[in-house]
PDB file of all heavy atoms in Angstrom:
ATOM      1  N   ASP A   1     132.850  29.166 253.400  1.00  0.00           N
ATOM      2  CA  ASP A   1     132.319  30.534 253.454  1.00  0.00           C
ATOM      3  C   ASP A   1     130.800  30.526 253.360  1.00  0.00           C
ATOM      4  O   ASP A   1     130.117  31.301 254.039  1.00  0.00           O
ATOM      5  CB  ASP A   1     132.907  31.371 252.315  1.00  0.00           C
ATOM      6  CG  ASP A   1     134.363  31.738 252.539  1.00  0.00           C
ATOM      7  OD1 ASP A   1     134.827  31.585 253.689  1.00  0.00           O
ATOM      8  OD2 ASP A   1     135.034  32.170 251.591  1.00  0.00           O
ATOM      9  N   MET A   2     130.266  29.628 252.526  1.00  0.00           N
ATOM     10  CA  MET A   2     128.820  29.526 252.399  1.00  0.00           C
ATOM     11  C   MET A   2     128.193  29.074 253.708  1.00  0.00           C
ATOM     12  O   MET A   2     127.140  29.569 254.119  1.00  0.00           O
ATOM     13  CB  MET A   2     128.462  28.541 251.291  1.00  0.00           C
ATOM     14  CG  MET A   2     126.968  28.416 251.036  1.00  0.00           C
ATOM     15  SD  MET A   2     126.570  27.099 249.848  1.00  0.00           S
ATOM     16  CE  MET A   2     126.983  25.656 250.872  1.00  0.00           C
ATOM     17  N   ALA A   3     128.855  28.134 254.402  1.00  0.00           N
ATOM     18  CA  ALA A   3     128.338  27.660 255.683  1.00  0.00           C
ATOM     19  C   ALA A   3     128.327  28.775 256.719  1.00  0.00           C
ATOM     20  O   ALA A   3     127.361  28.932 257.482  1.00  0.00           O
ATOM     21  CB  ALA A   3     129.176  26.483 256.178  1.00  0.00           C
ATOM     22  N   VAL A   4     129.401  29.559 256.769  1.00  0.00           N
ATOM     23  CA  VAL A   4     129.453  30.680 257.704  1.00  0.00           C
ATOM     24  C   VAL A   4     128.371  31.708 257.379  1.00  0.00           C
ATOM     25  O   VAL A   4     127.705  32.238 258.267  1.00  0.00           O
ATOM     26  CB  VAL A   4     130.845  31.338 257.683  1.00  0.00           C
ATOM     27  CG1 VAL A   4     130.860  32.608 258.528  1.00  0.00           C
ATOM     28  CG2 VAL A   4     131.901  30.362 258.206  1.00  0.00           C
ATOM     29  N   LYS A   5     128.177  31.979 256.085  1.00  0.00           N
ATOM     30  CA  LYS A   5     127.130  32.921 255.680  1.00  0.00           C
ATOM     31  C   LYS A   5     125.750  32.392 256.059  1.00  0.00           C
ATOM     32  O   LYS A   5     124.882  33.144 256.531  1.00  0.00           O
ATOM     33  CB  LYS A   5     127.203  33.140 254.164  1.00  0.00           C
ATOM     34  CG  LYS A   5     126.106  34.053 253.602  1.00  0.00           C
ATOM     35  CD  LYS A   5     126.171  35.473 254.183  1.00  0.00           C
ATOM     36  CE  LYS A   5     125.341  36.469 253.390  1.00  0.00           C
ATOM     37  NZ  LYS A   5     123.909  36.123 253.335  1.00  0.00           N
ATOM     38  N   TYR A   6     125.519  31.101 255.860  1.00  0.00           N
ATOM     39  CA  TYR A   6     124.234  30.501 256.204  1.00  0.00           C
ATOM     40  C   TYR A   6     123.966  30.626 257.700  1.00  0.00           C
ATOM     41  O   TYR A   6     122.864  31.013 258.123  1.00  0.00           O
ATOM     42  CB  TYR A   6     124.220  29.040 255.772  1.00  0.00           C
ATOM     43  CG  TYR A   6     122.970  28.296 256.177  1.00  0.00           C
ATOM     44  CD1 TYR A   6     121.720  28.666 255.695  1.00  0.00           C
ATOM     45  CD2 TYR A   6     123.040  27.196 257.029  1.00  0.00           C
ATOM     46  CE1 TYR A   6     120.577  27.975 256.052  1.00  0.00           C
ATOM     47  CE2 TYR A   6     121.899  26.498 257.398  1.00  0.00           C
ATOM     48  CZ  TYR A   6     120.672  26.890 256.903  1.00  0.00           C
ATOM     49  OH  TYR A   6     119.541  26.210 257.278  1.00  0.00           O
ATOM     50  N   MET A   7     124.964  30.315 258.537  1.00  0.00           N
ATOM     51  CA  MET A   7     124.769  30.423 259.978  1.00  0.00           C
ATOM     52  C   MET A   7     124.560  31.879 260.384  1.00  0.00           C
ATOM     53  O   MET A   7     123.749  32.168 261.272  1.00  0.00           O
ATOM     54  CB  MET A   7     125.965  29.806 260.711  1.00  0.00           C
ATOM     55  CG  MET A   7     126.035  28.292 260.579  1.00  0.00           C
ATOM     56  SD  MET A   7     127.288  27.523 261.647  1.00  0.00           S
ATOM     57  CE  MET A   7     128.792  28.081 260.843  1.00  0.00           C
ATOM     58  N   SER A   8     125.269  32.793 259.743  1.00  0.00           N
ATOM     59  CA  SER A   8     125.078  34.214 260.042  1.00  0.00           C
ATOM     60  C   SER A   8     123.670  34.659 259.657  1.00  0.00           C
ATOM     61  O   SER A   8     123.038  35.451 260.363  1.00  0.00           O
ATOM     62  CB  SER A   8     126.120  35.055 259.292  1.00  0.00           C
ATOM     63  OG  SER A   8     127.438  34.707 259.682  1.00  0.00           O
ATOM     64  N   ASP A   9     123.155  34.139 258.544  1.00  0.00           N
ATOM     65  CA  ASP A   9     121.790  34.471 258.136  1.00  0.00           C
ATOM     66  C   ASP A   9     120.769  33.955 259.149  1.00  0.00           C
ATOM     67  O   ASP A   9     119.754  34.614 259.423  1.00  0.00           O
ATOM     68  CB  ASP A   9     121.488  33.884 256.757  1.00  0.00           C
ATOM     69  CG  ASP A   9     122.199  34.624 255.631  1.00  0.00           C
ATOM     70  OD1 ASP A   9     122.679  35.741 255.884  1.00  0.00           O
ATOM     71  OD2 ASP A   9     122.272  34.069 254.509  1.00  0.00           O
ATOM     72  N   LEU A  10     121.019  32.774 259.711  1.00  0.00           N
ATOM     73  CA  LEU A  10     120.116  32.247 260.739  1.00  0.00           C
ATOM     74  C   LEU A  10     120.141  33.124 261.986  1.00  0.00           C
ATOM     75  O   LEU A  10     119.099  33.350 262.615  1.00  0.00           O
ATOM     76  CB  LEU A  10     120.506  30.809 261.087  1.00  0.00           C
ATOM     77  CG  LEU A  10     120.186  29.743 260.040  1.00  0.00           C
ATOM     78  CD1 LEU A  10     120.715  28.384 260.481  1.00  0.00           C
ATOM     79  CD2 LEU A  10     118.679  29.661 259.807  1.00  0.00           C
ATOM     80  N   VAL A  11     121.312  33.612 262.343  1.00  0.00           N
ATOM     81  CA  VAL A  11     121.397  34.540 263.485  1.00  0.00           C
ATOM     82  C   VAL A  11     120.622  35.816 263.179  1.00  0.00           C
ATOM     83  O   VAL A  11     119.930  36.358 264.041  1.00  0.00           O
ATOM     84  CB  VAL A  11     122.867  34.854 263.819  1.00  0.00           C
ATOM     85  CG1 VAL A  11     122.950  35.907 264.932  1.00  0.00           C
ATOM     86  CG2 VAL A  11     123.605  33.589 264.246  1.00  0.00           C
ATOM     87  N   ALA A  12     120.728  36.305 261.928  1.00  0.00           N
ATOM     88  CA  ALA A  12     119.973  37.497 261.538  1.00  0.00           C
ATOM     89  C   ALA A  12     118.471  37.249 261.668  1.00  0.00           C
ATOM     90  O   ALA A  12     117.720  38.098 262.181  1.00  0.00           O
ATOM     91  CB  ALA A  12     120.326  37.901 260.108  1.00  0.00           C
ATOM     92  N   MET A  13     117.991  36.091 261.216  1.00  0.00           N
ATOM     93  CA  MET A  13     116.577  35.751 261.341  1.00  0.00           C
ATOM     94  C   MET A  13     116.162  35.639 262.801  1.00  0.00           C
ATOM     95  O   MET A  13     115.058  36.048 263.182  1.00  0.00           O
ATOM     96  CB  MET A  13     116.294  34.443 260.611  1.00  0.00           C
ATOM     97  CG  MET A  13     116.458  34.514 259.102  1.00  0.00           C
ATOM     98  SD  MET A  13     116.133  32.924 258.289  1.00  0.00           S
ATOM     99  CE  MET A  13     114.391  32.724 258.677  1.00  0.00           C
ATOM    100  N   MET A  14     117.039  35.098 263.618  1.00  0.00           N
ATOM    101  CA  MET A  14     116.775  35.005 265.048  1.00  0.00           C
ATOM    102  C   MET A  14     116.556  36.387 265.648  1.00  0.00           C
ATOM    103  O   MET A  14     115.633  36.610 266.442  1.00  0.00           O
ATOM    104  CB  MET A  14     117.946  34.303 265.737  1.00  0.00           C
ATOM    105  CG  MET A  14     117.844  34.174 267.240  1.00  0.00           C
ATOM    106  SD  MET A  14     119.389  33.557 267.964  1.00  0.00           S
ATOM    107  CE  MET A  14     120.419  35.047 267.858  1.00  0.00           C
ATOM    108  N   CYS A  15     117.389  37.334 265.239  1.00  0.00           N
ATOM    109  CA  CYS A  15     117.295  38.692 265.773  1.00  0.00           C
ATOM    110  C   CYS A  15     116.110  39.456 265.205  1.00  0.00           C
ATOM    111  O   CYS A  15     115.608  40.402 265.834  1.00  0.00           O
ATOM    112  CB  CYS A  15     118.589  39.465 265.487  1.00  0.00           C
ATOM    113  SG  CYS A  15     120.050  38.809 266.332  1.00  0.00           S
ATOM    114  N   GLU A  16     115.652  39.072 264.018  1.00  0.00           N
ATOM    115  CA  GLU A  16     114.523  39.761 263.395  1.00  0.00           C
ATOM    116  C   GLU A  16     113.175  39.286 263.931  1.00  0.00           C
ATOM    117  O   GLU A  16     112.155  39.930 263.687  1.00  0.00           O
ATOM    118  CB  GLU A  16     114.567  39.545 261.880  1.00  0.00           C
ATOM    119  CG  GLU A  16     115.746  40.257 261.202  1.00  0.00           C
ATOM    120  CD  GLU A  16     115.974  39.775 259.784  1.00  0.00           C
ATOM    121  OE1 GLU A  16     115.164  38.936 259.313  1.00  0.00           O
ATOM    122  OE2 GLU A  16     116.946  40.219 259.145  1.00  0.00           O
ATOM    123  N   ALA A  17     113.166  38.155 264.648  1.00  0.00           N
ATOM    124  CA  ALA A  17     111.902  37.642 265.191  1.00  0.00           C
ATOM    125  C   ALA A  17     111.337  38.639 266.197  1.00  0.00           C
ATOM    126  O   ALA A  17     112.085  39.333 266.900  1.00  0.00           O
ATOM    127  CB  ALA A  17     112.135  36.287 265.859  1.00  0.00           C
ATOM    128  N   PRO A  18     110.012  38.741 266.293  1.00  0.00           N
ATOM    129  CA  PRO A  18     109.397  39.660 267.264  1.00  0.00           C
ATOM    130  C   PRO A  18     109.859  39.353 268.684  1.00  0.00           C
ATOM    131  O   PRO A  18     110.098  38.190 269.023  1.00  0.00           O
ATOM    132  CB  PRO A  18     107.899  39.395 267.104  1.00  0.00           C
ATOM    133  CG  PRO A  18     107.750  38.803 265.743  1.00  0.00           C
ATOM    134  CD  PRO A  18     109.005  38.024 265.495  1.00  0.00           C
ATOM    135  N   VAL A  19     109.975  40.387 269.484  1.00  0.00           N
ATOM    136  CA  VAL A  19     110.437  40.196 270.853  1.00  0.00           C
ATOM    137  C   VAL A  19     109.515  39.254 271.608  1.00  0.00           C
ATOM    138  O   VAL A  19     109.964  38.442 272.426  1.00  0.00           O
ATOM    139  CB  VAL A  19     110.531  41.554 271.581  1.00  0.00           C
ATOM    140  CG1 VAL A  19     110.857  41.344 273.056  1.00  0.00           C
ATOM    141  CG2 VAL A  19     111.582  42.425 270.923  1.00  0.00           C
ATOM    142  N   GLU A  20     108.208  39.304 271.327  1.00  0.00           N
ATOM    143  CA  GLU A  20     107.290  38.431 272.049  1.00  0.00           C
ATOM    144  C   GLU A  20     107.577  36.962 271.771  1.00  0.00           C
ATOM    145  O   GLU A  20     107.223  36.091 272.567  1.00  0.00           O
ATOM    146  CB  GLU A  20     105.838  38.737 271.681  1.00  0.00           C
ATOM    147  CG  GLU A  20     105.545  38.702 270.184  1.00  0.00           C
ATOM    148  CD  GLU A  20     105.671  40.075 269.551  1.00  0.00           C
ATOM    149  OE1 GLU A  20     106.399  40.922 270.107  1.00  0.00           O
ATOM    150  OE2 GLU A  20     105.019  40.303 268.519  1.00  0.00           O
ATOM    151  N   ALA A  21     108.243  36.664 270.640  1.00  0.00           N
ATOM    152  CA  ALA A  21     108.593  35.273 270.357  1.00  0.00           C
ATOM    153  C   ALA A  21     109.626  34.755 271.348  1.00  0.00           C
ATOM    154  O   ALA A  21     109.764  33.550 271.528  1.00  0.00           O
ATOM    155  CB  ALA A  21     109.136  35.140 268.940  1.00  0.00           C
ATOM    156  N   ASP A  22     110.352  35.676 271.989  1.00  0.00           N
ATOM    157  CA  ASP A  22     111.348  35.275 272.974  1.00  0.00           C
ATOM    158  C   ASP A  22     110.783  35.229 274.386  1.00  0.00           C
ATOM    159  O   ASP A  22     111.511  34.942 275.330  1.00  0.00           O
ATOM    160  CB  ASP A  22     112.536  36.242 272.943  1.00  0.00           C
ATOM    161  CG  ASP A  22     113.364  36.081 271.680  1.00  0.00           C
ATOM    162  OD1 ASP A  22     113.357  34.968 271.127  1.00  0.00           O
ATOM    163  OD2 ASP A  22     113.987  37.063 271.248  1.00  0.00           O
ATOM    164  N   THR A  23     109.509  35.540 274.556  1.00  0.00           N
ATOM    165  CA  THR A  23     108.918  35.539 275.892  1.00  0.00           C
ATOM    166  C   THR A  23     107.816  34.502 276.034  1.00  0.00           C
ATOM    167  O   THR A  23     107.220  34.393 277.086  1.00  0.00           O
ATOM    168  CB  THR A  23     108.330  36.928 276.207  1.00  0.00           C
ATOM    169  OG1 THR A  23     107.329  37.253 275.221  1.00  0.00           O
ATOM    170  CG2 THR A  23     109.408  37.984 276.208  1.00  0.00           C
ATOM    171  N   ARG A  24     107.542  33.731 274.966  1.00  0.00           N
ATOM    172  CA  ARG A  24     106.497  32.728 275.063  1.00  0.00           C
ATOM    173  C   ARG A  24     106.968  31.586 275.951  1.00  0.00           C
ATOM    174  O   ARG A  24     108.164  31.335 276.090  1.00  0.00           O
ATOM    175  CB  ARG A  24     106.168  32.188 273.665  1.00  0.00           C
ATOM    176  CG  ARG A  24     107.331  31.488 272.990  1.00  0.00           C
ATOM    177  CD  ARG A  24     107.040  31.235 271.541  1.00  0.00           C
ATOM    178  NE  ARG A  24     108.205  30.588 270.915  1.00  0.00           N
ATOM    179  CZ  ARG A  24     108.536  30.760 269.670  1.00  0.00           C
ATOM    180  NH1 ARG A  24     107.841  31.565 268.905  1.00  0.00           N
ATOM    181  NH2 ARG A  24     109.575  30.131 269.159  1.00  0.00           N
ATOM    182  N   THR A  25     106.037  30.863 276.532  1.00  0.00           N
ATOM    183  CA  THR A  25     106.386  29.715 277.354  1.00  0.00           C
ATOM    184  C   THR A  25     106.570  28.506 276.460  1.00  0.00           C
ATOM    185  O   THR A  25     106.033  28.432 275.360  1.00  0.00           O
ATOM    186  CB  THR A  25     105.271  29.413 278.375  1.00  0.00           C
ATOM    187  OG1 THR A  25     104.068  29.087 277.651  1.00  0.00           O
ATOM    188  CG2 THR A  25     104.998  30.614 279.257  1.00  0.00           C
ATOM    189  N   ASP A  26     107.333  27.536 276.949  1.00  0.00           N
ATOM    190  CA  ASP A  26     107.594  26.348 276.156  1.00  0.00           C
ATOM    191  C   ASP A  26     106.314  25.583 275.840  1.00  0.00           C
ATOM    192  O   ASP A  26     106.168  25.001 274.777  1.00  0.00           O
ATOM    193  CB  ASP A  26     108.562  25.418 276.901  1.00  0.00           C
ATOM    194  CG  ASP A  26     109.921  26.057 277.089  1.00  0.00           C
ATOM    195  OD1 ASP A  26     110.310  26.874 276.240  1.00  0.00           O
ATOM    196  OD2 ASP A  26     110.579  25.745 278.086  1.00  0.00           O
ATOM    197  N   GLU A  27     105.359  25.590 276.792  1.00  0.00           N
ATOM    198  CA  GLU A  27     104.135  24.841 276.590  1.00  0.00           C
ATOM    199  C   GLU A  27     103.255  25.440 275.501  1.00  0.00           C
ATOM    200  O   GLU A  27     102.317  24.801 275.031  1.00  0.00           O
ATOM    201  CB  GLU A  27     103.356  24.748 277.902  1.00  0.00           C
ATOM    202  CG  GLU A  27     103.995  23.873 278.960  1.00  0.00           C
ATOM    203  CD  GLU A  27     105.264  24.473 279.542  1.00  0.00           C
ATOM    204  OE1 GLU A  27     105.422  25.713 279.484  1.00  0.00           O
ATOM    205  OE2 GLU A  27     106.094  23.705 280.052  1.00  0.00           O
ATOM    206  N   ASP A  28     103.532  26.700 275.103  1.00  0.00           N
ATOM    207  CA  ASP A  28     102.744  27.329 274.053  1.00  0.00           C
ATOM    208  C   ASP A  28     102.961  26.655 272.709  1.00  0.00           C
ATOM    209  O   ASP A  28     102.113  26.716 271.832  1.00  0.00           O
ATOM    210  CB  ASP A  28     103.107  28.823 273.922  1.00  0.00           C
ATOM    211  CG  ASP A  28     102.623  29.634 275.110  1.00  0.00           C
ATOM    212  OD1 ASP A  28     101.680  29.163 275.775  1.00  0.00           O
ATOM    213  OD2 ASP A  28     103.179  30.707 275.356  1.00  0.00           O
ATOM    214  N   ARG A  29     104.106  25.999 272.540  1.00  0.00           N
ATOM    215  CA  ARG A  29     104.414  25.419 271.236  1.00  0.00           C
ATOM    216  C   ARG A  29     105.044  24.049 271.407  1.00  0.00           C
ATOM    217  O   ARG A  29     106.269  23.903 271.354  1.00  0.00           O
ATOM    218  CB  ARG A  29     105.332  26.346 270.451  1.00  0.00           C
ATOM    219  CG  ARG A  29     104.698  27.671 270.061  1.00  0.00           C
ATOM    220  CD  ARG A  29     105.550  28.440 269.094  1.00  0.00           C
ATOM    221  NE  ARG A  29     105.761  27.679 267.868  1.00  0.00           N
ATOM    222  CZ  ARG A  29     106.550  28.092 266.874  1.00  0.00           C
ATOM    223  NH1 ARG A  29     107.173  29.243 266.971  1.00  0.00           N
ATOM    224  NH2 ARG A  29     106.718  27.366 265.799  1.00  0.00           N
ATOM    225  N   PRO A  30     104.226  23.007 271.631  1.00  0.00           N
ATOM    226  CA  PRO A  30     104.777  21.656 271.792  1.00  0.00           C
ATOM    227  C   PRO A  30     105.612  21.221 270.596  1.00  0.00           C
ATOM    228  O   PRO A  30     106.618  20.523 270.755  1.00  0.00           O
ATOM    229  CB  PRO A  30     103.516  20.788 271.942  1.00  0.00           C
ATOM    230  CG  PRO A  30     102.468  21.717 272.458  1.00  0.00           C
ATOM    231  CD  PRO A  30     102.761  23.042 271.823  1.00  0.00           C
ATOM    232  N   ALA A  31     105.205  21.637 269.383  1.00  0.00           N
ATOM    233  CA  ALA A  31     105.974  21.240 268.201  1.00  0.00           C
ATOM    234  C   ALA A  31     107.383  21.814 268.241  1.00  0.00           C
ATOM    235  O   ALA A  31     108.356  21.134 267.898  1.00  0.00           O
ATOM    236  CB  ALA A  31     105.247  21.700 266.934  1.00  0.00           C
ATOM    237  N   SER A  32     107.511  23.066 268.668  1.00  0.00           N
ATOM    238  CA  SER A  32     108.833  23.674 268.778  1.00  0.00           C
ATOM    239  C   SER A  32     109.651  22.990 269.865  1.00  0.00           C
ATOM    240  O   SER A  32     110.859  22.788 269.714  1.00  0.00           O
ATOM    241  CB  SER A  32     108.706  25.171 269.069  1.00  0.00           C
ATOM    242  OG  SER A  32     108.136  25.847 267.982  1.00  0.00           O
ATOM    243  N   ARG A  33     108.983  22.624 270.951  1.00  0.00           N
ATOM    244  CA  ARG A  33     109.670  21.907 272.017  1.00  0.00           C
ATOM    245  C   ARG A  33     110.192  20.571 271.499  1.00  0.00           C
ATOM    246  O   ARG A  33     111.340  20.182 271.752  1.00  0.00           O
ATOM    247  CB  ARG A  33     108.709  21.695 273.187  1.00  0.00           C
ATOM    248  CG  ARG A  33     109.169  20.663 274.203  1.00  0.00           C
ATOM    249  CD  ARG A  33     110.377  21.117 274.969  1.00  0.00           C
ATOM    250  NE  ARG A  33     110.003  22.027 276.032  1.00  0.00           N
ATOM    251  CZ  ARG A  33     110.842  22.427 276.990  1.00  0.00           C
ATOM    252  NH1 ARG A  33     112.087  22.023 276.977  1.00  0.00           N
ATOM    253  NH2 ARG A  33     110.455  23.269 277.915  1.00  0.00           N
ATOM    254  N   LEU A  34     109.355  19.862 270.727  1.00  0.00           N
ATOM    255  CA  LEU A  34     109.774  18.578 270.183  1.00  0.00           C
ATOM    256  C   LEU A  34     110.929  18.759 269.205  1.00  0.00           C
ATOM    257  O   LEU A  34     111.869  17.946 269.179  1.00  0.00           O
ATOM    258  CB  LEU A  34     108.594  17.895 269.494  1.00  0.00           C
ATOM    259  CG  LEU A  34     108.864  16.500 268.911  1.00  0.00           C
ATOM    260  CD1 LEU A  34     109.356  15.543 269.991  1.00  0.00           C
ATOM    261  CD2 LEU A  34     107.615  15.952 268.241  1.00  0.00           C
ATOM    262  N   ASN A  35     110.905  19.822 268.409  1.00  0.00           N
ATOM    263  CA  ASN A  35     112.013  20.084 267.488  1.00  0.00           C
ATOM    264  C   ASN A  35     113.314  20.313 268.240  1.00  0.00           C
ATOM    265  O   ASN A  35     114.382  19.850 267.822  1.00  0.00           O
ATOM    266  CB  ASN A  35     111.691  21.293 266.611  1.00  0.00           C
ATOM    267  CG  ASN A  35     110.638  20.994 265.568  1.00  0.00           C
ATOM    268  OD1 ASN A  35     110.442  19.845 265.200  1.00  0.00           O
ATOM    269  ND2 ASN A  35     109.966  22.023 265.096  1.00  0.00           N
ATOM    270  N   ALA A  36     113.230  21.032 269.354  1.00  0.00           N
ATOM    271  CA  ALA A  36     114.424  21.277 270.162  1.00  0.00           C
ATOM    272  C   ALA A  36     114.949  19.976 270.754  1.00  0.00           C
ATOM    273  O   ALA A  36     116.165  19.742 270.822  1.00  0.00           O
ATOM    274  CB  ALA A  36     114.112  22.280 271.271  1.00  0.00           C
ATOM    275  N   ILE A  37     114.047  19.115 271.188  1.00  0.00           N
ATOM    276  CA  ILE A  37     114.449  17.829 271.750  1.00  0.00           C
ATOM    277  C   ILE A  37     115.095  16.965 270.672  1.00  0.00           C
ATOM    278  O   ILE A  37     116.110  16.299 270.904  1.00  0.00           O
ATOM    279  CB  ILE A  37     113.230  17.126 272.379  1.00  0.00           C
ATOM    280  CG1 ILE A  37     112.834  17.849 273.675  1.00  0.00           C
ATOM    281  CG2 ILE A  37     113.517  15.656 272.659  1.00  0.00           C
ATOM    282  CD1 ILE A  37     111.552  17.357 274.296  1.00  0.00           C
ATOM    283  N   LYS A  38     114.513  16.991 269.474  1.00  0.00           N
ATOM    284  CA  LYS A  38     115.098  16.218 268.378  1.00  0.00           C
ATOM    285  C   LYS A  38     116.497  16.728 268.028  1.00  0.00           C
ATOM    286  O   LYS A  38     117.398  15.938 267.703  1.00  0.00           O
ATOM    287  CB  LYS A  38     114.192  16.272 267.151  1.00  0.00           C
ATOM    288  CG  LYS A  38     112.910  15.454 267.298  1.00  0.00           C
ATOM    289  CD  LYS A  38     112.056  15.561 266.042  1.00  0.00           C
ATOM    290  CE  LYS A  38     110.816  14.686 266.145  1.00  0.00           C
ATOM    291  NZ  LYS A  38     109.959  14.781 264.935  1.00  0.00           N
TER     292      LYS A  38
END
């Protein structure tokens, strides 16, 4: 139950992020790109 709650909280944080965070290009944040690759 804790794991499900944790994942649900991450989804909530995802939805709370500013809309512009979903429109940035990948090259704007190499560190985020590297995290995704990892």
